[in-house]
Amino acid sequence: MDWLRNNLVLLINIAYLVAAVCFIVGLKLLSSPATARRGNQIAAVGMAIAVAATLFMPGLRNIPLILVGLVIGSILSGFVARRVKMTAMPQMVAIFNGMGGATAALVSLVEFQHKPDIGRGEIISIVLGLIIGSISFTGSMIAFGKLQELISGRPVSYPSQQQVNAIIGVAVLALAALIVVLGQAGVSYLLIVALFIAALVLGALIVLPIGGADMPVVIAVLNSMTGVAAALTGFVLNNQALIIAGILVGASGAFLTLLMAKAMNRSVANVLFGAWGAAAAGPAAAATAEALPMRETDPDSAAIPLAYADKVIIVPGYGLAVAQAQHAVRELAESLQDRGVDVRYAIHPVAGRMPGHMNVLLAEANVPYDELFEMEQINDDFANADVAIVVGANDVTNPAARDDPSSPIYGMPILNVDQAKQIYVLKRGRGAGFAGIENMLFHDPKTAMLFGDAKDSLSKLNTAVREA
């Protein structure tokens, strides 16, 4: 027993090392849909080990209160995670991410007030953790509001917006510098509270002007910021597990941000400050849209080309998630495959409203992983496809991004759906996509629109294919 007490800190550090290995292995396994579930479970085990080890930390107080918080948080998060629909997964990610940022900011705030004799290096960590965590929290809440459509998905602007944001940003930097220079003894607690409030406001004002179509990139940015804030908090608390976990989240979030921006052919700065979602379609697209009506079809008519096709490519989008039609699309694909049709799924990097949304959605419906293809893998094959079926995807299939220099999304890589021999688009109505931009694919002579609920339309298509 004495040996255990004397070596408790060593054992805790060993537990943290095991937890870190679990985090790294789990993150690696998340790179493939086939291993993602196991990776998530391994990472969860690592977090459980880290939390348990922390409870034995010498000098830790208020353990009963901590345990009560753990129980309440576990029950609430477990309940929400089980009840949330797949369509609301991006919103849940935004909320959880925001909570992480808020936690880092509040810990920094409390540590500055109650931790004695804080050195200059620790003050820098506290100030940075406070700023980054606060921005991540309010930014994530605004992202949640946009995704949940509590706030308009279009950019929200106001007079002198850039000037106001710049003033608040300068104020945040000035307050931070003042706190670091004066140190803990020379700073009023009200000053760091003012920094906290200013950073909260800045986070909201940064995300408000960003269009809903950019939310996948915004979520990745905010996720990275929360990781950095957590790592900084780990330095303040001298907690190695928190430092490692924060660094992993921050680095992976930053890498994902760059990949998302590359997929949209834009810089991260342009995503955060460009607000292209506010723009309407270019004049050439608008004029053509008025001149070319949409051609409608019905399930029985669409089933014939599908049933006798050699190659079919399915393009899922957020509309498929809204209709919860992932099982219906898999059933249609299986019916086509029973007839000898080669069926594959084309996944755009920013399809849906968060990175990997479509992959998770289709994996939930047990779509085989080897039928899912990223844009770079399948884009050249659209020209050889007999039929392309677009289910609820809009902006990622818009040929204006390739053909119309006046379009606000010009230059963004898209799926070359318009190169297929026949195109069927399943859509709820005639409205524009989440970015508010007219999609010229819908007016292509090769395109036929099948309006209605995607799940119902797919079921009817499946029945018609089986009877063809």
Protein backbone atom coordinates (compact mmCIF):
# COMPACT_ATOMS: atom_id res chain seq x y z
CA MET A 1 0.00 0.00 0.00
CA ASP A 2 2.88 2.33 0.83
CA TRP A 3 4.44 1.54 -2.55
CA LEU A 4 1.16 2.45 -4.23
CA ARG A 5 0.98 5.79 -2.43
CA ASN A 6 4.61 6.59 -3.16
CA ASN A 7 4.28 5.79 -6.84
CA LEU A 8 0.76 7.13 -7.42
CA VAL A 9 1.87 9.99 -9.67
CA LEU A 10 3.97 7.58 -11.73
CA LEU A 11 0.98 5.25 -12.17
CA ILE A 12 -1.22 8.18 -13.16
CA ASN A 13 1.30 9.23 -15.81
CA ILE A 14 1.45 5.67 -17.12
CA ALA A 15 -2.35 5.68 -17.36
CA TYR A 16 -2.16 8.96 -19.28
CA LEU A 17 0.35 7.38 -21.65
CA VAL A 18 -2.01 4.45 -22.26
CA ALA A 19 -4.86 6.92 -22.84
CA ALA A 20 -2.73 8.86 -25.35
CA VAL A 21 -1.97 5.67 -27.27
CA CYS A 22 -5.71 4.92 -27.37
CA PHE A 23 -6.40 8.41 -28.71
CA ILE A 24 -3.81 8.06 -31.47
CA VAL A 25 -4.91 4.56 -32.48
CA GLY A 26 -8.57 5.61 -32.40
CA LEU A 27 -7.87 8.65 -34.56
CA LYS A 28 -6.00 6.50 -37.07
CA LEU A 29 -8.90 4.03 -37.30
CA LEU A 30 -11.33 6.91 -37.94
CA SER A 31 -9.68 7.38 -41.34
CA SER A 32 -11.73 4.52 -42.82
CA PRO A 33 -15.50 3.87 -42.57
CA ALA A 34 -14.71 0.17 -42.10
CA THR A 35 -12.76 0.81 -38.88
CA ALA A 36 -14.31 4.08 -37.66
CA ARG A 37 -16.66 2.47 -35.14
CA ARG A 38 -13.81 0.52 -33.51
CA GLY A 39 -11.64 3.64 -33.53
CA ASN A 40 -14.31 5.61 -31.72
CA GLN A 41 -14.65 2.86 -29.11
CA ILE A 42 -10.89 2.70 -28.51
CA ALA A 43 -10.70 6.48 -28.12
CA ALA A 44 -13.61 6.35 -25.66
CA VAL A 45 -11.77 3.73 -23.60
CA GLY A 46 -8.73 6.01 -23.58
CA MET A 47 -10.81 8.90 -22.31
CA ALA A 48 -12.32 6.72 -19.60
CA ILE A 49 -8.82 5.72 -18.47
CA ALA A 50 -7.70 9.37 -18.42
CA VAL A 51 -10.73 10.50 -16.39
CA ALA A 52 -10.37 7.64 -13.91
CA ALA A 53 -6.66 8.34 -13.44
CA THR A 54 -7.32 12.04 -12.85
CA LEU A 55 -9.70 11.22 -9.99
CA PHE A 56 -6.72 9.74 -8.09
CA MET A 57 -4.57 12.82 -8.56
CA PRO A 58 -3.00 13.86 -5.20
CA GLY A 59 -4.55 17.02 -3.79
CA LEU A 60 -7.73 16.78 -5.86
CA ARG A 61 -10.67 18.21 -3.94
CA ASN A 62 -14.48 18.14 -4.26
CA ILE A 63 -14.41 14.59 -5.64
CA PRO A 64 -18.10 13.92 -4.72
CA LEU A 65 -19.11 17.03 -6.66
CA ILE A 66 -16.95 15.94 -9.60
CA LEU A 67 -18.57 12.50 -9.60
CA VAL A 68 -22.05 14.05 -9.56
CA GLY A 69 -21.07 16.16 -12.58
CA LEU A 70 -19.69 13.09 -14.37
CA VAL A 71 -22.90 11.13 -13.78
CA ILE A 72 -25.18 13.97 -14.88
CA GLY A 73 -23.09 14.74 -17.96
CA SER A 74 -22.82 11.07 -18.94
CA ILE A 75 -26.57 10.51 -18.65
CA LEU A 76 -27.49 13.66 -20.57
CA SER A 77 -24.94 13.16 -23.35
CA GLY A 78 -25.80 9.47 -23.70
CA PHE A 79 -29.50 10.28 -23.94
CA VAL A 80 -28.96 13.02 -26.53
CA ALA A 81 -26.53 10.93 -28.58
CA ARG A 82 -29.01 8.06 -28.80
CA ARG A 83 -32.01 10.24 -29.59
CA VAL A 84 -30.44 12.61 -32.12
CA LYS A 85 -31.34 11.95 -35.74
CA MET A 86 -28.59 11.54 -38.31
CA THR A 87 -29.83 14.72 -39.98
CA ALA A 88 -29.10 16.62 -36.77
CA MET A 89 -25.62 15.16 -36.29
CA PRO A 90 -23.86 18.35 -37.49
CA GLN A 91 -25.84 20.38 -34.95
CA MET A 92 -24.89 17.98 -32.17
CA VAL A 93 -21.22 18.17 -33.17
CA ALA A 94 -21.44 21.98 -33.07
CA ILE A 95 -22.97 21.93 -29.57
CA PHE A 96 -20.49 19.41 -28.16
CA ASN A 97 -17.62 21.33 -29.72
CA GLY A 98 -18.94 24.57 -28.24
CA MET A 99 -19.15 22.97 -24.79
CA GLY A 100 -15.51 21.98 -25.06
CA GLY A 101 -14.54 25.55 -25.88
CA ALA A 102 -16.67 26.94 -23.05
CA THR A 103 -15.08 24.52 -20.59
CA ALA A 104 -11.57 25.56 -21.58
CA ALA A 105 -12.49 29.24 -21.26
CA LEU A 106 -14.16 28.85 -17.86
CA VAL A 107 -11.27 26.79 -16.46
CA SER A 108 -8.86 29.51 -17.59
CA LEU A 109 -11.04 32.15 -15.96
CA VAL A 110 -11.20 30.30 -12.63
CA GLU A 111 -7.52 29.36 -12.61
CA PHE A 112 -6.48 32.98 -13.08
CA GLN A 113 -8.49 34.00 -10.03
CA HIS A 114 -7.73 31.13 -7.64
CA LYS A 115 -4.34 29.66 -8.60
CA PRO A 116 -1.59 31.35 -6.58
CA ASP A 117 1.67 32.70 -7.98
CA ILE A 118 0.97 32.27 -11.67
CA GLY A 119 4.04 32.78 -13.80
CA ARG A 120 4.19 34.70 -17.06
CA GLY A 121 4.14 31.55 -19.17
CA GLU A 122 1.03 30.26 -17.42
CA ILE A 123 -0.69 33.62 -17.84
CA ILE A 124 -0.07 33.43 -21.59
CA SER A 125 -1.62 29.94 -21.65
CA ILE A 126 -4.60 31.14 -19.60
CA VAL A 127 -5.20 34.18 -21.79
CA LEU A 128 -4.91 32.23 -25.05
CA GLY A 129 -7.11 29.41 -23.72
CA LEU A 130 -9.69 31.96 -22.60
CA ILE A 131 -9.77 33.76 -25.96
CA ILE A 132 -9.75 30.68 -28.19
CA GLY A 133 -12.23 28.76 -26.04
CA SER A 134 -14.64 31.70 -25.89
CA ILE A 135 -14.53 32.27 -29.66
CA SER A 136 -15.05 28.54 -30.24
CA PHE A 137 -18.06 28.47 -27.90
CA THR A 138 -20.07 31.35 -29.37
CA GLY A 139 -18.96 30.52 -32.90
CA SER A 140 -20.20 26.95 -32.45
CA MET A 141 -23.51 28.18 -31.06
CA ILE A 142 -24.02 30.41 -34.11
CA ALA A 143 -23.09 27.47 -36.36
CA PHE A 144 -25.67 25.37 -34.51
CA GLY A 145 -28.29 28.06 -35.05
CA LYS A 146 -27.58 28.21 -38.77
CA LEU A 147 -27.60 24.42 -39.18
CA GLN A 148 -30.80 24.11 -37.14
CA GLU A 149 -32.24 27.00 -39.19
CA LEU A 150 -32.92 29.02 -36.04
CA ILE A 151 -30.77 31.65 -37.76
CA SER A 152 -30.77 32.31 -41.48
CA GLY A 153 -28.28 30.13 -43.34
CA ARG A 154 -27.41 33.15 -45.46
CA PRO A 155 -24.68 35.53 -44.26
CA VAL A 156 -25.95 37.96 -41.62
CA SER A 157 -24.41 41.39 -42.08
CA TYR A 158 -24.85 44.87 -40.64
CA PRO A 159 -23.47 48.35 -41.39
CA SER A 160 -19.72 48.81 -40.79
CA GLN A 161 -19.44 45.12 -39.97
CA GLN A 162 -15.76 44.74 -40.80
CA GLN A 163 -14.86 47.87 -38.85
CA VAL A 164 -16.78 46.69 -35.78
CA ASN A 165 -15.18 43.25 -35.90
CA ALA A 166 -11.74 44.84 -36.29
CA ILE A 167 -12.31 47.12 -33.28
CA ILE A 168 -13.41 44.22 -31.09
CA GLY A 169 -10.50 42.09 -32.33
CA VAL A 170 -8.01 44.86 -31.47
CA ALA A 171 -9.67 45.26 -28.05
CA VAL A 172 -9.24 41.54 -27.38
CA LEU A 173 -5.56 41.67 -28.32
CA ALA A 174 -5.00 44.82 -26.25
CA LEU A 175 -6.66 43.36 -23.16
CA ALA A 176 -4.70 40.14 -23.57
CA ALA A 177 -1.38 42.00 -23.86
CA LEU A 178 -2.23 44.18 -20.84
CA ILE A 179 -3.04 41.15 -18.67
CA VAL A 180 0.19 39.38 -19.66
CA VAL A 181 2.33 42.48 -19.02
CA LEU A 182 0.76 43.41 -15.66
CA GLY A 183 0.65 39.84 -14.35
CA GLN A 184 -1.72 38.28 -11.85
CA ALA A 185 -0.92 40.69 -9.02
CA GLY A 186 -1.39 43.82 -11.09
CA VAL A 187 -4.61 42.90 -12.91
CA SER A 188 -8.14 43.44 -11.66
CA TYR A 189 -10.33 40.37 -12.09
CA LEU A 190 -12.80 42.58 -13.96
CA LEU A 191 -10.20 43.03 -16.68
CA ILE A 192 -10.00 39.32 -17.51
CA VAL A 193 -13.81 39.10 -17.32
CA ALA A 194 -13.93 41.92 -19.88
CA LEU A 195 -11.56 39.90 -22.09
CA PHE A 196 -13.84 36.88 -21.70
CA ILE A 197 -16.92 38.85 -22.76
CA ALA A 198 -15.15 40.55 -25.68
CA ALA A 199 -13.93 37.17 -26.99
CA LEU A 200 -17.46 35.73 -26.72
CA VAL A 201 -18.84 38.61 -28.77
CA LEU A 202 -16.04 38.29 -31.34
CA GLY A 203 -16.77 34.58 -31.82
CA ALA A 204 -20.41 35.27 -32.63
CA LEU A 205 -19.63 38.17 -34.96
CA ILE A 206 -17.04 36.15 -36.90
CA VAL A 207 -19.44 33.31 -37.73
CA LEU A 208 -22.63 35.32 -38.34
CA PRO A 209 -21.50 36.67 -41.74
CA ILE A 210 -20.53 33.18 -43.01
CA GLY A 211 -23.02 31.48 -45.32
CA GLY A 212 -24.57 28.14 -44.38
CA ALA A 213 -22.90 26.40 -47.32
CA ASP A 214 -19.54 27.05 -45.64
CA MET A 215 -20.53 25.41 -42.35
CA PRO A 216 -18.51 22.19 -42.98
CA VAL A 217 -15.32 24.24 -43.06
CA VAL A 218 -16.42 26.42 -40.13
CA ILE A 219 -17.11 23.34 -38.00
CA ALA A 220 -13.64 22.01 -38.79
CA VAL A 221 -12.05 25.36 -37.84
CA LEU A 222 -13.97 25.59 -34.57
CA ASN A 223 -13.13 21.98 -33.77
CA SER A 224 -9.45 22.74 -34.20
CA MET A 225 -9.76 25.83 -32.00
CA THR A 226 -11.41 23.83 -29.22
CA GLY A 227 -8.55 21.33 -29.36
CA VAL A 228 -5.98 24.12 -29.04
CA ALA A 229 -7.91 25.66 -26.13
CA ALA A 230 -8.02 22.26 -24.40
CA ALA A 231 -4.26 21.79 -24.86
CA LEU A 232 -3.58 25.23 -23.37
CA THR A 233 -5.81 24.35 -20.43
CA GLY A 234 -3.80 21.17 -20.02
CA PHE A 235 -0.65 23.27 -19.61
CA VAL A 236 -2.37 25.38 -16.95
CA LEU A 237 -3.59 22.30 -15.06
CA ASN A 238 -0.35 20.36 -15.69
CA ASN A 239 -2.43 17.51 -17.11
CA GLN A 240 -0.57 15.51 -19.78
CA ALA A 241 -3.63 13.65 -21.03
CA LEU A 242 -5.47 16.91 -21.69
CA ILE A 243 -2.46 18.35 -23.49
CA ILE A 244 -2.13 15.32 -25.77
CA ALA A 245 -5.86 15.08 -26.47
CA GLY A 246 -6.05 18.79 -27.23
CA ILE A 247 -3.07 18.68 -29.57
CA LEU A 248 -4.54 15.70 -31.45
CA VAL A 249 -7.92 17.43 -31.84
CA GLY A 250 -6.31 20.73 -32.81
CA ALA A 251 -3.97 19.18 -35.39
CA SER A 252 -6.59 16.90 -36.95
CA GLY A 253 -9.10 19.76 -37.05
CA ALA A 254 -6.58 22.02 -38.77
CA PHE A 255 -5.72 19.32 -41.30
CA LEU A 256 -9.41 18.71 -41.98
CA THR A 257 -9.96 22.46 -42.41
CA LEU A 258 -7.28 22.60 -45.10
CA LEU A 259 -8.76 19.57 -46.87
CA MET A 260 -12.25 21.10 -46.83
CA ALA A 261 -10.98 24.44 -48.13
CA LYS A 262 -9.05 22.66 -50.86
CA ALA A 263 -12.19 20.73 -51.83
CA MET A 264 -13.94 24.07 -52.30
CA ASN A 265 -10.92 25.58 -54.11
CA ARG A 266 -10.77 28.44 -51.62
CA SER A 267 -8.49 29.63 -48.88
CA VAL A 268 -9.51 29.34 -45.23
CA ALA A 269 -9.39 33.13 -44.98
CA ASN A 270 -11.84 33.42 -47.87
CA VAL A 271 -14.21 30.95 -46.20
CA LEU A 272 -14.14 32.85 -42.91
CA PHE A 273 -14.28 36.35 -44.34
CA GLY A 274 -15.49 36.01 -47.95
CA ALA A 275 -19.18 35.23 -47.27
CA TRP A 276 -19.84 34.11 -50.86
CA GLY A 277 -23.06 32.45 -49.70
CA ALA A 278 -24.66 35.87 -49.73
CA ALA A 279 -24.37 36.16 -53.46
CA ALA A 280 -26.97 35.01 -55.91
CA ALA A 281 -26.32 33.11 -59.06
CA GLY A 282 -24.42 34.92 -61.78
CA PRO A 283 -26.35 36.76 -64.49
CA ALA A 284 -25.62 34.12 -67.10
CA ALA A 285 -26.99 31.38 -64.86
CA ALA A 286 -30.07 33.40 -63.91
CA ALA A 287 -30.91 34.22 -67.51
CA THR A 288 -30.49 30.62 -68.60
CA ALA A 289 -32.56 29.39 -65.66
CA GLU A 290 -35.49 31.51 -66.79
CA ALA A 291 -35.16 30.32 -70.38
CA LEU A 292 -34.90 26.59 -69.62
CA PRO A 293 -37.73 24.97 -67.68
CA MET A 294 -37.20 21.87 -65.59
CA ARG A 295 -38.25 18.58 -67.17
CA GLU A 296 -40.26 16.43 -64.78
CA THR A 297 -40.63 12.66 -64.74
CA ASP A 298 -42.29 9.93 -62.68
CA PRO A 299 -40.92 6.73 -61.02
CA ASP A 300 -42.25 4.40 -63.72
CA SER A 301 -40.62 6.38 -66.53
CA ALA A 302 -37.31 6.71 -64.66
CA ALA A 303 -37.21 3.01 -63.79
CA ILE A 304 -36.78 1.83 -67.40
CA PRO A 305 -33.36 3.43 -68.12
CA LEU A 306 -32.21 2.44 -64.62
CA ALA A 307 -33.24 -1.21 -64.95
CA TYR A 308 -31.42 -1.65 -68.27
CA ALA A 309 -28.33 0.45 -67.48
CA ASP A 310 -24.83 -0.95 -67.24
CA LYS A 311 -23.40 1.70 -64.89
CA VAL A 312 -25.28 3.88 -62.38
CA ILE A 313 -23.73 6.47 -60.05
CA ILE A 314 -25.69 7.70 -57.03
CA VAL A 315 -24.88 11.14 -55.61
CA PRO A 316 -26.20 11.60 -52.04
CA GLY A 317 -26.71 15.02 -50.49
CA TYR A 318 -28.24 16.63 -47.45
CA GLY A 319 -31.74 16.11 -48.83
CA LEU A 320 -31.19 12.36 -48.49
CA ALA A 321 -30.40 12.88 -44.81
CA VAL A 322 -33.45 15.09 -44.27
CA ALA A 323 -35.72 12.43 -45.76
CA GLN A 324 -33.89 9.66 -43.83
CA ALA A 325 -33.71 7.86 -47.16
CA GLN A 326 -30.36 6.10 -46.71
CA HIS A 327 -32.01 2.67 -46.35
CA ALA A 328 -34.28 3.31 -49.33
CA VAL A 329 -31.34 4.26 -51.56
CA ARG A 330 -29.48 1.11 -50.51
CA GLU A 331 -32.52 -1.01 -51.37
CA LEU A 332 -32.75 0.61 -54.82
CA ALA A 333 -29.03 -0.03 -55.37
CA GLU A 334 -29.45 -3.68 -54.38
CA SER A 335 -32.37 -4.10 -56.79
CA LEU A 336 -30.25 -2.67 -59.60
CA GLN A 337 -27.29 -4.88 -58.65
CA ASP A 338 -29.58 -7.93 -58.73
CA ARG A 339 -30.12 -7.07 -62.41
CA GLY A 340 -26.37 -6.89 -63.04
CA VAL A 341 -26.06 -3.09 -62.88
CA ASP A 342 -22.75 -1.65 -61.61
CA VAL A 343 -23.82 0.78 -58.85
CA ARG A 344 -21.46 3.16 -57.06
CA TYR A 345 -21.83 6.19 -54.79
CA ALA A 346 -20.03 9.47 -55.45
CA ILE A 347 -19.19 11.40 -52.27
CA HIS A 348 -18.21 15.06 -52.46
CA PRO A 349 -15.87 16.18 -49.61
CA VAL A 350 -18.35 18.83 -48.41
CA ALA A 351 -21.60 16.97 -49.14
CA GLY A 352 -24.08 17.39 -46.30
CA ARG A 353 -23.42 19.87 -43.53
CA MET A 354 -20.31 18.47 -41.91
CA PRO A 355 -17.22 16.58 -43.08
CA GLY A 356 -17.95 12.87 -43.62
CA HIS A 357 -21.70 13.30 -43.15
CA MET A 358 -22.64 11.21 -46.19
CA ASN A 359 -20.16 8.44 -45.38
CA VAL A 360 -21.62 8.04 -41.89
CA LEU A 361 -25.17 8.19 -43.19
CA LEU A 362 -24.62 5.44 -45.78
CA ALA A 363 -22.59 3.33 -43.36
CA GLU A 364 -25.58 3.44 -41.01
CA ALA A 365 -27.64 1.85 -43.80
CA ASN A 366 -25.00 -0.88 -44.28
CA VAL A 367 -23.95 0.31 -47.72
CA PRO A 368 -20.72 -1.62 -48.52
CA TYR A 369 -17.67 0.55 -48.03
CA ASP A 370 -16.16 -0.50 -51.35
CA GLU A 371 -19.10 1.12 -53.16
CA LEU A 372 -18.30 4.57 -51.74
CA PHE A 373 -15.96 6.68 -53.87
CA GLU A 374 -14.50 10.10 -53.20
CA MET A 375 -14.76 12.83 -55.84
CA GLU A 376 -11.20 12.35 -57.16
CA GLN A 377 -11.76 8.61 -57.56
CA ILE A 378 -15.02 8.73 -59.49
CA ASN A 379 -15.30 12.08 -61.25
CA ASP A 380 -13.88 10.83 -64.54
CA ASP A 381 -16.34 7.93 -64.57
CA PHE A 382 -19.46 10.07 -64.90
CA ALA A 383 -18.85 10.30 -68.65
CA ASN A 384 -19.17 6.50 -68.83
CA ALA A 385 -22.23 6.28 -66.58
CA ASP A 386 -25.56 5.46 -68.22
CA VAL A 387 -27.50 7.09 -65.39
CA ALA A 388 -26.61 9.41 -62.51
CA ILE A 389 -29.10 9.72 -59.65
CA VAL A 390 -28.80 12.86 -57.53
CA VAL A 391 -30.59 12.54 -54.20
CA GLY A 392 -30.89 15.86 -52.42
CA ALA A 393 -27.49 17.21 -53.55
CA ASN A 394 -27.39 20.70 -55.00
CA ASP A 395 -24.35 22.97 -54.76
CA VAL A 396 -21.79 20.15 -55.15
CA THR A 397 -23.29 19.22 -58.54
CA ASN A 398 -23.70 22.72 -59.95
CA PRO A 399 -21.85 23.03 -63.30
CA ALA A 400 -21.80 26.81 -62.87
CA ALA A 401 -18.80 26.24 -60.59
CA ARG A 402 -16.94 24.99 -63.67
CA ASP A 403 -18.53 26.90 -66.55
CA ASP A 404 -19.76 30.30 -65.33
CA PRO A 405 -17.07 32.81 -64.25
CA SER A 406 -19.80 35.11 -62.90
CA SER A 407 -21.04 32.48 -60.45
CA PRO A 408 -20.07 33.01 -56.79
CA ILE A 409 -18.97 29.35 -56.59
CA TYR A 410 -16.87 29.48 -59.77
CA GLY A 411 -13.73 27.40 -59.29
CA MET A 412 -15.13 25.11 -56.60
CA PRO A 413 -14.52 21.45 -57.55
CA ILE A 414 -17.80 19.66 -58.24
CA LEU A 415 -19.00 16.19 -59.14
CA ASN A 416 -19.25 15.95 -62.93
CA VAL A 417 -22.83 14.72 -62.86
CA ASP A 418 -23.71 16.67 -66.01
CA GLN A 419 -21.40 14.38 -68.03
CA ALA A 420 -23.59 11.30 -67.43
CA LYS A 421 -25.79 10.13 -70.32
CA GLN A 422 -29.00 10.45 -68.31
CA ILE A 423 -29.56 12.30 -65.03
CA TYR A 424 -32.37 11.96 -62.51
CA VAL A 425 -32.59 14.49 -59.68
CA LEU A 426 -34.69 13.67 -56.63
CA LYS A 427 -35.66 16.91 -54.95
CA ARG A 428 -38.37 18.18 -52.60
CA GLY A 429 -39.12 21.29 -54.64
CA ARG A 430 -37.81 23.82 -57.11
CA GLY A 431 -35.89 25.94 -54.59
CA ALA A 432 -32.16 26.67 -54.69
CA GLY A 433 -29.66 24.81 -52.53
CA PHE A 434 -28.28 25.73 -49.12
CA ALA A 435 -25.95 28.29 -50.70
CA GLY A 436 -28.93 29.97 -52.39
CA ILE A 437 -27.43 29.54 -55.89
CA GLU A 438 -29.34 28.43 -58.98
CA ASN A 439 -28.19 24.99 -60.17
CA MET A 440 -27.99 24.82 -63.94
CA LEU A 441 -27.84 21.02 -63.82
CA PHE A 442 -31.60 21.01 -63.21
CA HIS A 443 -32.16 22.70 -66.58
CA ASP A 444 -29.89 20.38 -68.56
CA PRO A 445 -31.79 18.58 -71.38
CA LYS A 446 -30.44 15.26 -70.06
CA THR A 447 -31.87 15.93 -66.59
CA ALA A 448 -35.31 14.85 -65.40
CA MET A 449 -36.64 16.01 -62.05
CA LEU A 450 -38.48 13.66 -59.70
CA PHE A 451 -40.10 15.95 -57.14
CA GLY A 452 -41.26 14.77 -53.74
CA ASP A 453 -39.95 13.21 -50.54
CA ALA A 454 -36.71 11.37 -51.39
CA LYS A 455 -37.56 8.32 -49.31
CA ASP A 456 -40.95 7.93 -50.97
CA SER A 457 -39.52 8.57 -54.45
CA LEU A 458 -36.77 6.00 -53.95
CA SER A 459 -39.25 3.39 -52.72
CA LYS A 460 -41.43 3.95 -55.76
CA LEU A 461 -38.37 3.79 -58.03
CA ASN A 462 -37.33 0.52 -56.38
CA THR A 463 -40.78 -1.01 -56.93
CA ALA A 464 -40.83 0.13 -60.56
CA VAL A 465 -37.32 -1.27 -61.18
CA ARG A 466 -38.31 -4.68 -59.78
CA GLU A 467 -41.36 -4.74 -62.03
CA ALA A 468 -39.49 -3.58 -65.17
